[in-house]
Amino acid sequence: MLRGLDISDMLIIDRLELAFQPGLNVLTGETGAGKSILLDSLGFVLGWRGRADLVRQGADQGEVTAWFDLPDGHPAHAVLDAAGLPGGPELILRRINGSDGRKTAWVNDRRCSGEVLRALSETLVELHGQHDDRGLLDPKGHRAILDEFADNSSLREAVREAWGALNAARKAAQKAAKDRDAIAAEEEFLRHAVAELDKLNPEPGEEAQLDVRRRMMQGAEKIRTDVVNAYEMLGQGGAETQIGDALRWLDGVAHKAEGALEAPLAALSRAMIELDDAMEGIAAAIDVMSFNPVELEETEERLFAIRAMARKHDVQPDDLAGFADTLRSKLEALDAGDAAQAELEKKVRETQAIYDAAIGALTASRAKSAKKLDAAVAEELTPLKMERAIFQTQVTPDTAGPDGGDMVSFTVAPNPGAPAGPLGKIASGGELSRFLLALKVCLAKGQTGLTMIFDEIDRGVGGATADAVGRRLAALSKGGQVLVVTHSPQVAALGAHHWRVSKTVSDGMTLSTVTPLSDVERVDEVARMLSGDTITQAARAAARELLGAEYAG
């Protein structure tokens, strides 16, 4: 609910602060007094796109602040959360327009964009008038309006869920078919490659092991003869025999050498031990170097086969086994593709059936609710002196999608025999105002937290019809808030709160002011609306009669 509006240096307003109330708030004044400027200023702080030249002449900038009550559960809280802005029981919007055209906005003292203001405005304020292009006259929103009237939220959610499931099933089936076609195109290659890989059966790390073994055998072939010769030189008949003979000769005479041979004997004993160790190591090396030439040939053939296969498929040798598994899985998918594709197509048919049932239920509800809405609007049009007009909600087939398969449009035929057409194009100014009011009264049931603004919606009507308009506006404001800019004394008299917009000229400067009216001032204002500039006692008496018994004195 809009609680206040503070305007500084906007057009012909230098400074203005208004405190609005629940119920029906009426703003009256002569043509050109500045009533539209109030709406322009409110639209500016709400982020609506409008006129650019809003800054008062001679001022550096114009500023508008609006504050709203924001109860728990109000949809504006979700917008604030999504934008990362602070919330609370009060919402304060402030926007500045510089003389250079730059605009800056704040929400609860936090900078924000115009897009955020517009998103908030959709939850806070609804404007209706003869040039309303944001609400009931926009055909793009008629389907949502009908769904709101019909309380189709659960049916719409079911349709959205079914549409999502259907799209997912279709995409899965299409992808599977595409993948299967791609695999089928290379089936011959896959089967040949898998057969080759299965025959070769490479293992991770095998290429490195084969390479080491091959190099070792190649090297052994060159050095084994020298190693064997060295072993023979150290063995029997060689160094081992000679050292053994030397030990025996020295040992036989050592007792006569008075200890002089003990150290040489110990050294030769140690040498004999080291020689044995060396010979054992050489013998082991000779065993390792011993190989069958056929083994070298086989090792080379396998090593070269693995490397050639890796080059052929552009993978590392150690990745050949994994690559074979990948190709094998493609073949398995191809072999099982018919059954899998059949299951996916079955899923598409099942989800299609669920979606068709969901949109069928939504269409049926829309068709049924369209008749109820037409009847409700017709009932509202009768006291508005349009009992012969025909309002019709048309539900026609449309391309199926997440919101169902229907197109909804509001059409009217203001007079019998006249062709029906779009609401915003067929009705005249006064008729359009009454159509909009009747439709809004029908749609507003159960709507809370929204400030509704009607800009001269009573234009072109008078007398009993204007009184009926005012009474419906008053009924619409119960439990909520309605702001009405009006030239009709019948409508003004039914307001719970009344402001007069006037224009003055001081020192060559035109300024607009808005004044809350006392009971006496209100009688005079309604009398002015009845009689013009000269207020007569008869006009005051008529005004008191319109205002009710409490103004009789």
Protein backbone atom coordinates (compact mmCIF):
# COMPACT_ATOMS: atom_id res chain seq x y z
CA MET A 1 0.00 0.00 0.00
CA LEU A 2 1.32 3.43 -0.97
CA ARG A 3 1.75 5.51 2.19
CA GLY A 4 3.51 8.59 0.93
CA LEU A 5 5.00 10.47 -1.98
CA ASP A 6 7.67 13.17 -1.73
CA ILE A 7 8.36 15.18 -4.91
CA SER A 8 11.05 17.84 -5.40
CA ASP A 9 11.70 19.94 -8.51
CA MET A 10 9.66 17.90 -10.96
CA LEU A 11 8.03 19.88 -13.80
CA ILE A 12 5.89 22.53 -12.04
CA ILE A 13 6.25 21.02 -8.54
CA ASP A 14 8.95 22.59 -6.37
CA ARG A 15 8.30 20.55 -3.23
CA LEU A 16 5.34 18.36 -2.37
CA GLU A 17 4.78 15.71 0.26
CA LEU A 18 1.62 13.58 0.27
CA ALA A 19 0.46 11.00 2.80
CA PHE A 20 -2.05 8.57 1.33
CA GLN A 21 -4.51 6.41 3.23
CA PRO A 22 -6.22 3.04 2.78
CA GLY A 23 -9.50 3.05 0.92
CA LEU A 24 -10.59 5.33 -1.91
CA ASN A 25 -8.29 8.36 -2.38
CA VAL A 26 -9.53 10.95 -4.88
CA LEU A 27 -7.54 13.74 -6.51
CA THR A 28 -9.45 16.52 -8.22
CA GLY A 29 -8.61 19.83 -9.80
CA GLU A 30 -8.98 21.86 -12.93
CA THR A 31 -7.54 20.65 -16.21
CA GLY A 32 -3.81 21.48 -16.35
CA ALA A 33 -3.49 21.88 -12.58
CA GLY A 34 -0.89 19.10 -12.41
CA LYS A 35 -2.79 15.91 -11.67
CA SER A 36 -1.00 14.07 -14.44
CA ILE A 37 2.32 15.31 -13.05
CA LEU A 38 1.65 13.37 -9.86
CA LEU A 39 1.20 10.20 -11.88
CA ASP A 40 4.28 11.00 -13.98
CA SER A 41 6.30 11.47 -10.79
CA LEU A 42 4.99 8.24 -9.28
CA GLY A 43 5.71 6.41 -12.52
CA PHE A 44 9.23 7.88 -12.52
CA VAL A 45 10.10 6.55 -9.05
CA LEU A 46 8.59 3.18 -10.02
CA GLY A 47 10.89 2.94 -13.02
CA TRP A 48 8.19 3.30 -15.68
CA ARG A 49 9.31 4.64 -19.02
CA GLY A 50 7.72 8.02 -19.65
CA ARG A 51 8.51 11.59 -20.58
CA ALA A 52 12.16 12.62 -20.33
CA ASP A 53 11.80 16.35 -19.47
CA LEU A 54 10.74 15.93 -15.84
CA VAL A 55 13.22 18.25 -14.08
CA ARG A 56 11.76 21.64 -13.11
CA GLN A 57 13.18 24.48 -15.14
CA GLY A 58 16.16 26.04 -13.39
CA ALA A 59 16.72 23.07 -11.03
CA ASP A 60 19.85 20.88 -11.11
CA GLN A 61 17.87 17.73 -10.51
CA GLY A 62 14.44 16.37 -9.70
CA GLU A 63 13.81 13.80 -7.00
CA VAL A 64 10.89 11.56 -6.05
CA THR A 65 10.59 9.33 -2.99
CA ALA A 66 7.73 6.87 -2.43
CA TRP A 67 7.22 4.64 0.58
CA PHE A 68 5.00 1.60 0.87
CA ASP A 69 3.78 -0.71 3.61
CA LEU A 70 5.14 -4.18 2.90
CA PRO A 71 3.42 -6.89 4.97
CA ASP A 72 4.79 -10.42 5.32
CA GLY A 73 4.11 -12.53 2.26
CA HIS A 74 3.93 -9.55 -0.12
CA PRO A 75 5.33 -10.56 -3.54
CA ALA A 76 7.74 -7.59 -3.46
CA HIS A 77 9.81 -9.49 -0.88
CA ALA A 78 10.71 -12.09 -3.52
CA VAL A 79 11.87 -9.34 -5.91
CA LEU A 80 14.03 -7.81 -3.17
CA ASP A 81 15.56 -11.18 -2.30
CA ALA A 82 16.35 -11.94 -5.95
CA ALA A 83 18.04 -8.53 -6.34
CA GLY A 84 19.97 -8.90 -3.06
CA LEU A 85 18.27 -5.83 -1.57
CA PRO A 86 17.25 -5.35 2.08
CA GLY A 87 13.60 -5.89 2.96
CA GLY A 88 11.40 -5.15 5.96
CA PRO A 89 7.90 -3.92 6.77
CA GLU A 90 8.49 -0.65 4.88
CA LEU A 91 9.78 -0.18 1.34
CA ILE A 92 11.32 3.16 0.39
CA LEU A 93 11.99 3.95 -3.26
CA ARG A 94 14.00 7.02 -4.25
CA ARG A 95 14.98 8.15 -7.73
CA ILE A 96 16.81 11.23 -8.98
CA ASN A 97 16.69 12.68 -12.47
CA GLY A 98 19.55 15.06 -13.29
CA SER A 99 19.14 17.98 -15.63
CA ASP A 100 21.51 16.11 -17.97
CA GLY A 101 19.04 13.20 -18.15
CA ARG A 102 20.97 10.82 -15.89
CA LYS A 103 18.82 8.78 -13.52
CA THR A 104 19.88 7.18 -10.23
CA ALA A 105 17.70 4.97 -8.05
CA TRP A 106 17.78 3.55 -4.51
CA VAL A 107 15.70 0.90 -2.77
CA ASN A 108 15.87 1.08 1.02
CA ASP A 109 19.01 3.24 0.63
CA ARG A 110 20.70 0.68 -1.63
CA ARG A 111 21.56 1.57 -5.25
CA CYS A 112 19.57 -0.36 -7.84
CA SER A 113 18.69 -0.39 -11.53
CA GLY A 114 15.55 0.79 -13.27
CA GLU A 115 14.79 -2.86 -14.09
CA VAL A 116 14.56 -3.67 -10.38
CA LEU A 117 12.22 -0.70 -9.85
CA ARG A 118 9.99 -1.91 -12.67
CA ALA A 119 9.94 -5.45 -11.24
CA LEU A 120 8.93 -4.04 -7.84
CA SER A 121 6.29 -1.77 -9.38
CA GLU A 122 4.48 -4.78 -10.86
CA THR A 123 3.88 -6.02 -7.31
CA LEU A 124 3.03 -2.59 -5.84
CA VAL A 125 0.95 -0.52 -8.26
CA GLU A 126 -1.48 -1.11 -11.09
CA LEU A 127 -2.45 1.79 -13.35
CA HIS A 128 -5.69 1.88 -15.32
CA GLY A 129 -6.88 4.53 -17.70
CA GLN A 130 -7.86 5.21 -21.28
CA HIS A 131 -4.24 4.87 -22.36
CA ASP A 132 -3.42 1.91 -20.17
CA ASP A 133 -0.82 -0.19 -22.03
CA ARG A 134 0.62 -1.92 -18.97
CA GLY A 135 -2.47 -3.73 -17.73
CA LEU A 136 -5.80 -4.92 -19.07
CA LEU A 137 -5.38 -3.47 -22.56
CA ASP A 138 -2.26 -5.51 -23.30
CA PRO A 139 -3.43 -8.66 -25.16
CA LYS A 140 -0.21 -10.44 -24.18
CA GLY A 141 -1.40 -10.53 -20.59
CA HIS A 142 -4.98 -11.69 -21.13
CA ARG A 143 -4.18 -15.38 -20.67
CA ALA A 144 -2.49 -14.71 -17.34
CA ILE A 145 -5.43 -12.53 -16.27
CA LEU A 146 -7.93 -15.29 -17.06
CA ASP A 147 -5.78 -17.85 -15.22
CA GLU A 148 -5.65 -15.57 -12.19
CA PHE A 149 -9.43 -15.17 -12.25
CA ALA A 150 -9.84 -18.96 -12.60
CA ASP A 151 -7.20 -19.71 -9.92
CA ASN A 152 -5.43 -21.97 -12.40
CA SER A 153 -2.05 -21.86 -10.63
CA SER A 154 -1.96 -25.61 -9.87
CA LEU A 155 -3.09 -26.52 -13.40
CA ARG A 156 -0.51 -24.20 -14.94
CA GLU A 157 2.22 -25.67 -12.75
CA ALA A 158 1.20 -29.17 -13.85
CA VAL A 159 1.44 -28.06 -17.49
CA ARG A 160 4.88 -26.52 -16.95
CA GLU A 161 6.16 -29.68 -15.26
CA ALA A 162 4.70 -31.89 -18.01
CA TRP A 163 6.19 -29.60 -20.69
CA GLY A 164 9.60 -29.81 -19.04
CA ALA A 165 9.41 -33.62 -18.85
CA LEU A 166 8.24 -33.83 -22.48
CA ASN A 167 11.07 -31.60 -23.70
CA ALA A 168 13.60 -33.63 -21.73
CA ALA A 169 12.25 -36.90 -23.17
CA ARG A 170 12.29 -35.50 -26.70
CA LYS A 171 15.86 -34.25 -26.36
CA ALA A 172 17.02 -37.59 -24.94
CA ALA A 173 15.40 -39.51 -27.82
CA GLN A 174 16.79 -37.11 -30.42
CA LYS A 175 20.28 -37.26 -28.95
CA ALA A 176 20.20 -41.05 -28.76
CA ALA A 177 19.05 -41.28 -32.38
CA LYS A 178 21.75 -38.85 -33.49
CA ASP A 179 24.44 -40.69 -31.54
CA ARG A 180 23.24 -44.03 -32.89
CA ASP A 181 23.32 -42.72 -36.46
CA ALA A 182 26.84 -41.44 -35.92
CA ILE A 183 27.96 -44.80 -34.54
CA ALA A 184 26.18 -46.68 -37.33
CA ALA A 185 28.10 -44.60 -39.90
CA GLU A 186 31.41 -45.95 -38.52
CA GLU A 187 30.22 -49.44 -37.65
CA GLU A 188 32.54 -51.16 -40.16
CA PHE A 189 35.53 -49.26 -38.80
CA LEU A 190 34.54 -50.02 -35.20
CA ARG A 191 34.19 -53.74 -35.75
CA HIS A 192 37.51 -53.94 -37.64
CA ALA A 193 39.34 -51.83 -35.06
CA VAL A 194 37.96 -53.78 -32.12
CA ALA A 195 38.92 -57.05 -33.79
CA GLU A 196 42.48 -55.79 -34.33
CA LEU A 197 42.77 -54.52 -30.78
CA ASP A 198 41.31 -57.69 -29.31
CA LYS A 199 43.80 -59.75 -31.32
CA LEU A 200 46.72 -57.60 -30.19
CA ASN A 201 45.36 -57.33 -26.63
CA PRO A 202 47.79 -54.62 -25.44
CA GLU A 203 48.18 -53.98 -21.73
CA PRO A 204 49.06 -50.73 -19.92
CA GLY A 205 52.85 -50.52 -19.34
CA GLU A 206 53.62 -53.36 -21.78
CA GLU A 207 55.28 -51.10 -24.37
CA ALA A 208 57.81 -49.79 -21.84
CA GLN A 209 58.61 -53.33 -20.61
CA LEU A 210 59.13 -54.60 -24.14
CA ASP A 211 61.38 -51.66 -24.96
CA VAL A 212 63.61 -52.31 -21.93
CA ARG A 213 63.83 -56.05 -22.70
CA ARG A 214 64.65 -55.35 -26.36
CA ARG A 215 67.43 -52.91 -25.55
CA MET A 216 68.87 -55.28 -22.97
CA MET A 217 68.93 -58.18 -25.45
CA GLN A 218 70.44 -56.00 -28.15
CA GLY A 219 73.18 -54.85 -25.75
CA ALA A 220 73.80 -58.34 -24.40
CA GLU A 221 74.46 -59.65 -27.88
CA LYS A 222 77.35 -57.21 -28.22
CA ILE A 223 79.04 -57.61 -24.76
CA ARG A 224 78.27 -61.18 -23.69
CA THR A 225 81.47 -62.61 -25.33
CA ASP A 226 83.71 -60.18 -23.42
CA VAL A 227 81.88 -60.94 -20.18
CA VAL A 228 82.34 -64.71 -20.71
CA ASN A 229 86.06 -64.20 -21.51
CA ALA A 230 86.44 -62.16 -18.33
CA TYR A 231 84.74 -64.91 -16.33
CA GLU A 232 87.05 -67.53 -17.80
CA MET A 233 90.12 -65.42 -17.04
CA LEU A 234 89.06 -65.23 -13.40
CA GLY A 235 88.00 -68.86 -13.03
CA GLN A 236 89.77 -72.21 -13.16
CA GLY A 237 93.11 -71.84 -14.90
CA GLY A 238 92.95 -68.15 -14.41
CA ALA A 239 93.17 -65.72 -11.52
CA GLU A 240 91.37 -68.08 -9.14
CA THR A 241 93.91 -70.91 -9.76
CA GLN A 242 96.92 -68.62 -9.56
CA ILE A 243 95.81 -66.97 -6.30
CA GLY A 244 95.02 -70.42 -4.86
CA ASP A 245 98.49 -71.68 -5.79
CA ALA A 246 100.09 -68.59 -4.29
CA LEU A 247 98.20 -69.08 -1.04
CA ARG A 248 99.37 -72.70 -0.81
CA TRP A 249 103.00 -71.86 -1.49
CA LEU A 250 103.07 -69.02 1.02
CA ASP A 251 101.13 -70.96 3.61
CA GLY A 252 103.71 -73.81 3.37
CA VAL A 253 106.60 -71.53 4.30
CA ALA A 254 104.90 -68.97 6.52
CA HIS A 255 106.04 -70.68 9.76
CA LYS A 256 109.64 -70.09 8.74
CA ALA A 257 109.20 -66.41 7.87
CA GLU A 258 108.83 -65.25 11.50
CA GLY A 259 105.40 -63.67 10.85
CA ALA A 260 106.46 -61.70 7.78
CA LEU A 261 103.91 -63.50 5.57
CA GLU A 262 100.84 -63.21 7.81
CA ALA A 263 99.64 -59.91 6.36
CA PRO A 264 100.09 -61.00 2.72
CA LEU A 265 98.29 -64.25 3.45
CA ALA A 266 95.33 -62.37 5.05
CA ALA A 267 95.17 -60.01 2.05
CA LEU A 268 95.19 -62.90 -0.40
CA SER A 269 92.41 -64.62 1.59
CA ARG A 270 90.31 -61.50 1.38
CA ALA A 271 91.06 -61.20 -2.33
CA MET A 272 89.95 -64.77 -2.80
CA ILE A 273 86.62 -63.99 -1.11
CA GLU A 274 86.09 -60.84 -3.24
CA LEU A 275 87.04 -62.82 -6.33
CA ASP A 276 84.38 -65.40 -5.54
CA ASP A 277 81.78 -62.61 -5.15
CA ALA A 278 82.82 -61.07 -8.44
CA MET A 279 82.60 -64.34 -10.26
CA GLU A 280 79.14 -65.01 -8.86
CA GLY A 281 77.95 -61.59 -10.10
CA ILE A 282 79.52 -62.12 -13.52
CA ALA A 283 77.94 -65.56 -13.75
CA ALA A 284 74.51 -64.05 -12.93
CA ALA A 285 75.04 -61.39 -15.59
CA ILE A 286 75.95 -64.07 -18.11
CA ASP A 287 72.68 -65.85 -17.26
CA VAL A 288 70.70 -62.65 -17.82
CA MET A 289 72.46 -62.02 -21.10
CA SER A 290 71.69 -65.46 -22.28
CA PHE A 291 68.67 -65.31 -24.65
CA ASN A 292 67.18 -67.03 -27.58
CA PRO A 293 67.55 -64.90 -30.76
CA VAL A 294 63.97 -65.85 -31.56
CA GLU A 295 62.85 -64.07 -28.34
CA LEU A 296 64.49 -60.84 -29.52
CA GLU A 297 62.70 -61.11 -32.82
CA GLU A 298 59.34 -61.76 -31.12
CA THR A 299 59.85 -58.92 -28.66
CA GLU A 300 60.64 -56.48 -31.47
CA GLU A 301 57.63 -57.60 -33.51
CA ARG A 302 55.21 -57.06 -30.60
CA LEU A 303 56.78 -53.74 -29.61
CA PHE A 304 56.51 -52.46 -33.19
CA ALA A 305 52.92 -53.75 -33.50
CA ILE A 306 51.85 -51.90 -30.33
CA ARG A 307 53.52 -48.68 -31.46
CA ALA A 308 52.00 -48.93 -34.94
CA MET A 309 48.53 -49.48 -33.48
CA ALA A 310 48.95 -46.43 -31.20
CA ARG A 311 49.98 -44.25 -34.18
CA LYS A 312 47.07 -45.54 -36.23
CA HIS A 313 44.52 -44.47 -33.63
CA ASP A 314 46.44 -41.39 -32.47
CA VAL A 315 46.63 -42.49 -28.83
CA GLN A 316 49.43 -43.31 -26.42
CA PRO A 317 50.48 -46.98 -26.33
CA ASP A 318 49.40 -47.25 -22.69
CA ASP A 319 45.93 -45.95 -23.67
CA LEU A 320 45.25 -48.63 -26.27
CA ALA A 321 43.40 -50.89 -23.83
CA GLY A 322 41.11 -48.06 -22.69
CA PHE A 323 40.59 -47.00 -26.31
CA ALA A 324 39.53 -50.54 -27.14
CA ASP A 325 37.02 -50.45 -24.28
CA THR A 326 35.60 -47.16 -25.66
CA LEU A 327 35.15 -48.60 -29.14
CA ARG A 328 33.67 -51.76 -27.68
CA SER A 329 31.12 -49.73 -25.68
CA LYS A 330 30.08 -47.92 -28.86
CA LEU A 331 29.47 -51.22 -30.54
CA GLU A 332 27.50 -52.44 -27.55
CA ALA A 333 25.42 -49.26 -27.68
CA LEU A 334 24.86 -49.81 -31.38
CA ASP A 335 23.86 -53.41 -30.85
CA ALA A 336 21.51 -52.41 -28.03
CA GLY A 337 20.40 -49.21 -29.80
CA ASP A 338 17.13 -50.48 -31.18
CA ALA A 339 15.85 -51.52 -27.77
CA ALA A 340 17.14 -48.35 -26.08
CA GLN A 341 15.68 -46.14 -28.79
CA ALA A 342 12.36 -47.91 -28.47
CA GLU A 343 12.36 -47.23 -24.71
CA LEU A 344 13.14 -43.55 -25.28
CA GLU A 345 10.40 -43.21 -27.88
CA LYS A 346 8.02 -44.88 -25.46
CA LYS A 347 9.02 -42.31 -22.83
CA VAL A 348 8.25 -39.53 -25.32
CA ARG A 349 4.78 -40.97 -25.97
CA GLU A 350 4.10 -41.33 -22.23
CA THR A 351 5.18 -37.77 -21.40
CA GLN A 352 3.25 -36.47 -24.43
CA ALA A 353 0.12 -38.14 -23.08
CA ILE A 354 0.69 -36.60 -19.65
CA TYR A 355 1.24 -33.16 -21.23
CA ASP A 356 -1.84 -33.51 -23.45
CA ALA A 357 -3.93 -34.37 -20.40
CA ALA A 358 -2.51 -31.42 -18.46
CA ILE A 359 -3.17 -28.85 -21.19
CA GLY A 360 -6.58 -30.40 -21.79
CA ALA A 361 -7.50 -29.82 -18.14
CA LEU A 362 -6.13 -26.27 -18.32
CA THR A 363 -8.01 -25.53 -21.54
CA ALA A 364 -11.23 -26.87 -20.05
CA SER A 365 -10.78 -24.69 -16.96
CA ARG A 366 -10.03 -21.65 -19.12
CA ALA A 367 -13.09 -22.23 -21.28
CA LYS A 368 -15.32 -22.67 -18.23
CA SER A 369 -13.83 -19.68 -16.43
CA ALA A 370 -14.08 -17.53 -19.57
CA LYS A 371 -17.86 -17.92 -19.46
CA LYS A 372 -17.89 -17.07 -15.75
CA LEU A 373 -15.76 -13.98 -16.37
CA ASP A 374 -18.02 -12.88 -19.22
CA ALA A 375 -21.08 -13.25 -16.98
CA ALA A 376 -19.39 -11.39 -14.12
CA VAL A 377 -18.36 -8.51 -16.39
CA ALA A 378 -21.88 -8.35 -17.89
CA GLU A 379 -23.30 -8.08 -14.39
CA GLU A 380 -20.95 -5.20 -13.62
CA LEU A 381 -21.73 -3.43 -16.90
CA THR A 382 -25.47 -3.20 -16.17
CA PRO A 383 -25.27 -0.49 -13.46
CA LEU A 384 -22.66 1.26 -15.60
CA LYS A 385 -25.38 1.82 -18.24
CA MET A 386 -23.83 -0.66 -20.65
CA GLU A 387 -26.29 -3.49 -20.21
CA ARG A 388 -26.52 -4.01 -23.97
CA ALA A 389 -22.75 -4.27 -24.46
CA ILE A 390 -21.18 -7.68 -24.93
CA PHE A 391 -17.87 -8.61 -23.36
CA GLN A 392 -16.41 -11.92 -24.45
CA THR A 393 -13.31 -13.82 -23.42
CA GLN A 394 -12.16 -15.82 -26.41
CA VAL A 395 -10.09 -18.97 -25.84
CA THR A 396 -8.67 -20.24 -29.12
CA PRO A 397 -6.05 -22.89 -29.97
CA ASP A 398 -2.44 -21.75 -30.02
CA THR A 399 0.97 -23.35 -30.37
CA ALA A 400 1.48 -25.67 -27.41
CA GLY A 401 4.08 -24.58 -24.90
CA PRO A 402 4.85 -24.28 -21.19
CA ASP A 403 1.70 -22.19 -20.64
CA GLY A 404 -0.62 -24.56 -22.44
CA GLY A 405 -2.10 -24.55 -25.92
CA ASP A 406 -4.48 -21.58 -25.76
CA MET A 407 -4.60 -17.98 -26.86
CA VAL A 408 -6.83 -15.74 -24.74
CA SER A 409 -8.15 -12.36 -25.84
CA PHE A 410 -10.78 -9.96 -24.51
CA THR A 411 -13.20 -8.66 -27.16
CA VAL A 412 -16.13 -6.28 -26.89
CA ALA A 413 -19.17 -5.25 -28.87
CA PRO A 414 -20.39 -1.98 -27.28
CA ASN A 415 -23.73 -2.04 -29.09
CA PRO A 416 -26.04 -4.75 -30.44
CA GLY A 417 -25.26 -5.61 -34.03
CA ALA A 418 -21.82 -3.99 -33.86
CA PRO A 419 -18.89 -6.27 -34.69
CA ALA A 420 -16.80 -7.49 -31.78
CA GLY A 421 -13.15 -6.52 -31.63
CA PRO A 422 -10.18 -6.04 -29.31
CA LEU A 423 -10.97 -4.23 -26.08
CA GLY A 424 -8.57 -1.35 -26.69
CA LYS A 425 -9.62 -0.70 -30.30
CA ILE A 426 -13.39 -1.03 -30.37
CA ALA A 427 -14.61 0.87 -27.32
CA SER A 428 -14.82 4.67 -27.19
CA GLY A 429 -13.21 6.63 -24.37
CA GLY A 430 -16.11 6.48 -21.95
CA GLU A 431 -17.02 2.93 -22.90
CA LEU A 432 -13.44 1.80 -22.49
CA SER A 433 -13.29 3.31 -19.03
CA ARG A 434 -16.35 1.39 -17.94
CA PHE A 435 -15.21 -1.85 -19.54
CA LEU A 436 -11.88 -1.55 -17.72
CA LEU A 437 -13.56 -0.79 -14.42
CA ALA A 438 -16.02 -3.68 -14.72
CA LEU A 439 -13.24 -6.06 -15.66
CA LYS A 440 -11.01 -4.87 -12.85
CA VAL A 441 -13.77 -5.24 -10.27
CA CYS A 442 -14.20 -8.87 -11.37
CA LEU A 443 -10.47 -9.55 -11.28
CA ALA A 444 -9.66 -7.81 -8.02
CA LYS A 445 -11.35 -10.32 -5.73
CA GLY A 446 -8.83 -11.73 -3.30
CA GLN A 447 -6.10 -9.37 -4.50
CA THR A 448 -4.16 -7.81 -1.63
CA GLY A 449 -1.25 -5.43 -1.20
CA LEU A 450 -1.70 -3.74 -4.58
CA THR A 451 -2.40 -0.03 -4.99
CA MET A 452 -4.73 0.53 -7.94
CA ILE A 453 -4.64 3.87 -9.72
CA PHE A 454 -7.42 4.97 -12.08
CA ASP A 455 -6.53 7.96 -14.23
CA GLU A 456 -9.74 9.72 -15.30
CA ILE A 457 -11.40 6.39 -15.87
CA ASP A 458 -14.75 8.17 -15.50
CA ARG A 459 -14.14 10.45 -18.49
CA GLY A 460 -17.10 10.61 -20.84
CA VAL A 461 -19.67 9.51 -18.28
CA GLY A 462 -21.88 11.48 -15.90
CA GLY A 463 -25.00 11.40 -13.75
CA ALA A 464 -26.12 7.98 -12.57
CA THR A 465 -23.40 6.28 -14.60
CA ALA A 466 -20.69 8.33 -12.90
CA ASP A 467 -22.28 7.50 -9.55
CA ALA A 468 -22.16 3.78 -10.45
CA VAL A 469 -18.49 4.17 -11.42
CA GLY A 470 -17.74 5.81 -8.10
CA ARG A 471 -19.55 3.13 -6.12
CA ARG A 472 -17.59 0.39 -7.85
CA LEU A 473 -14.34 2.19 -7.19
CA ALA A 474 -15.33 2.51 -3.55
CA ALA A 475 -16.19 -1.18 -3.40
CA LEU A 476 -12.87 -2.00 -5.05
CA SER A 477 -11.00 -0.02 -2.40
CA LYS A 478 -12.43 -1.94 0.56
CA GLY A 479 -9.62 -3.72 2.32
CA GLY A 480 -7.11 -2.12 -0.02
CA GLN A 481 -6.18 1.16 -1.64
CA VAL A 482 -7.44 2.91 -4.76
CA LEU A 483 -6.22 6.27 -6.08
CA VAL A 484 -8.51 8.04 -8.55
CA VAL A 485 -7.78 11.12 -10.62
CA THR A 486 -11.25 12.36 -11.53
CA HIS A 487 -13.28 15.22 -12.93
CA SER A 488 -16.56 13.64 -11.83
CA PRO A 489 -18.23 15.12 -8.71
CA GLN A 490 -20.17 11.87 -8.23
CA VAL A 491 -16.90 9.90 -8.04
CA ALA A 492 -15.15 12.51 -5.90
CA ALA A 493 -18.01 12.51 -3.41
CA LEU A 494 -17.56 8.78 -2.76
CA GLY A 495 -13.90 9.07 -1.82
CA ALA A 496 -12.75 8.34 1.72
CA HIS A 497 -9.91 10.86 1.36
CA HIS A 498 -9.83 13.89 -0.91
CA TRP A 499 -6.99 16.06 -2.26
CA ARG A 500 -7.27 19.11 -4.49
CA VAL A 501 -4.59 19.79 -7.09
CA SER A 502 -4.23 23.46 -7.98
CA LYS A 503 -1.87 25.67 -9.91
CA THR A 504 -0.54 29.09 -8.94
CA VAL A 505 1.71 31.66 -10.59
CA SER A 506 4.22 33.50 -8.40
CA ASP A 507 7.02 35.78 -9.67
CA GLY A 508 6.44 34.52 -13.17
CA MET A 509 6.79 30.87 -12.11
CA THR A 510 3.97 28.34 -12.33
CA LEU A 511 3.76 25.90 -9.43
CA SER A 512 1.43 23.01 -8.65
CA THR A 513 0.28 22.19 -5.13
CA VAL A 514 -1.80 19.40 -3.64
CA THR A 515 -3.92 20.11 -0.57
CA PRO A 516 -5.77 17.62 1.64
CA LEU A 517 -9.31 18.92 2.06
CA SER A 518 -11.27 19.43 5.25
CA ASP A 519 -15.00 18.71 5.27
CA VAL A 520 -15.87 22.34 4.44
CA GLU A 521 -13.22 22.55 1.72
CA ARG A 522 -14.43 19.27 0.30
CA VAL A 523 -17.99 20.62 -0.02
CA ASP A 524 -16.66 23.62 -1.94
CA GLU A 525 -14.50 21.45 -4.21
CA VAL A 526 -17.39 19.15 -5.14
CA ALA A 527 -19.58 22.24 -5.62
CA ARG A 528 -16.92 23.69 -7.97
CA MET A 529 -16.93 20.46 -9.93
CA LEU A 530 -20.72 20.75 -10.23
CA SER A 531 -21.07 24.43 -11.10
CA GLY A 532 -17.72 25.71 -12.35
CA ASP A 533 -15.71 28.70 -11.11
CA THR A 534 -18.66 30.40 -9.42
CA ILE A 535 -19.78 28.34 -6.45
CA THR A 536 -23.42 28.94 -5.60
CA GLN A 537 -25.35 27.90 -2.52
CA ALA A 538 -27.36 25.59 -4.72
CA ALA A 539 -24.12 23.96 -5.84
CA ARG A 540 -23.03 23.57 -2.21
CA ALA A 541 -26.37 22.00 -1.34
CA ALA A 542 -26.01 19.58 -4.24
CA ALA A 543 -22.47 18.82 -3.13
CA ARG A 544 -23.61 18.06 0.43
CA GLU A 545 -26.27 15.76 -0.94
CA LEU A 546 -23.67 13.89 -2.97
CA LEU A 547 -21.25 13.69 -0.03
CA GLY A 548 -23.84 12.23 2.32
CA ALA A 549 -25.61 12.88 5.58
CA GLU A 550 -22.48 13.76 7.55
CA TYR A 551 -22.01 16.84 5.33
CA ALA A 552 -25.64 17.98 5.55
CA GLY A 553 -24.93 20.65 8.14
